Amino acid sequence: MLGLFGLLVITATPVRMIPQRLREVRDRILGRAPAPTETDDGAATGATKRSRPARH
């Protein structure tokens, strides 16, 4: 248990990110393309959402 916690500290992995990191490792081992991840606001990565128009 202590070794697992130490690994999380060394890799700077928050506990809430463990499932995502395990999926990434599984995909890397199986040679799959990584699935699109979601950001904190729930939007897919790469999509930019603006709450107001940009200034010019």
Protein backbone atom coordinates (compact mmCIF):
# COMPACT_ATOMS: atom_id res chain seq x y z
CA MET A 1 0.00 0.00 0.00
CA LEU A 2 2.81 2.39 0.88
CA GLY A 3 4.59 1.51 -2.37
CA LEU A 4 1.47 2.35 -4.40
CA PHE A 5 1.13 5.69 -2.64
CA GLY A 6 4.81 6.40 -3.23
CA LEU A 7 4.36 5.67 -6.94
CA LEU A 8 1.44 8.12 -7.08
CA VAL A 9 3.56 10.79 -5.38
CA ILE A 10 6.56 10.23 -7.67
CA THR A 11 4.45 10.34 -10.84
CA ALA A 12 2.35 13.29 -9.53
CA THR A 13 -0.87 11.37 -10.17
CA PRO A 14 -3.93 12.55 -8.23
CA VAL A 15 -6.11 9.72 -6.91
CA ARG A 16 -9.01 10.84 -9.14
CA MET A 17 -6.82 10.31 -12.24
CA ILE A 18 -5.98 6.64 -11.52
CA PRO A 19 -8.72 5.18 -13.80
CA GLN A 20 -7.67 7.42 -16.70
CA ARG A 21 -3.98 6.54 -16.26
CA LEU A 22 -4.84 2.81 -16.19
CA ARG A 23 -6.81 3.20 -19.44
CA GLU A 24 -3.81 4.98 -21.01
CA VAL A 25 -1.46 2.17 -19.96
CA ARG A 26 -3.89 -0.47 -21.27
CA ASP A 27 -4.21 1.35 -24.62
CA ARG A 28 -0.43 1.72 -24.91
CA ILE A 29 0.11 -2.00 -24.22
CA LEU A 30 -2.60 -3.06 -26.70
CA GLY A 31 -1.42 -0.57 -29.35
CA ARG A 32 -4.72 1.30 -29.46
CA ALA A 33 -5.11 4.97 -30.28
CA PRO A 34 -5.76 6.97 -27.12
CA ALA A 35 -9.42 7.85 -26.50
CA PRO A 36 -10.29 11.55 -26.34
CA THR A 37 -10.21 12.77 -22.77
CA GLU A 38 -12.56 15.26 -21.15
CA THR A 39 -11.50 18.45 -19.47
CA ASP A 40 -12.87 19.73 -16.17
CA ASP A 41 -15.81 21.46 -17.86
CA GLY A 42 -16.81 18.27 -19.69
CA ALA A 43 -15.84 19.41 -23.17
CA ALA A 44 -13.75 17.11 -25.33
CA THR A 45 -10.06 17.95 -25.56
CA GLY A 46 -9.16 20.26 -28.40
CA ALA A 47 -12.53 22.02 -28.49
CA THR A 48 -12.38 25.63 -27.38
CA LYS A 49 -15.46 27.02 -25.71
CA ARG A 50 -15.65 30.74 -25.08
CA SER A 51 -18.10 32.37 -22.77
CA ARG A 52 -17.78 35.73 -24.52
CA PRO A 53 -16.40 36.95 -27.86
CA ALA A 54 -12.69 37.64 -28.18
CA ARG A 55 -11.53 41.26 -28.17
CA HIS A 56 -10.06 42.65 -31.37
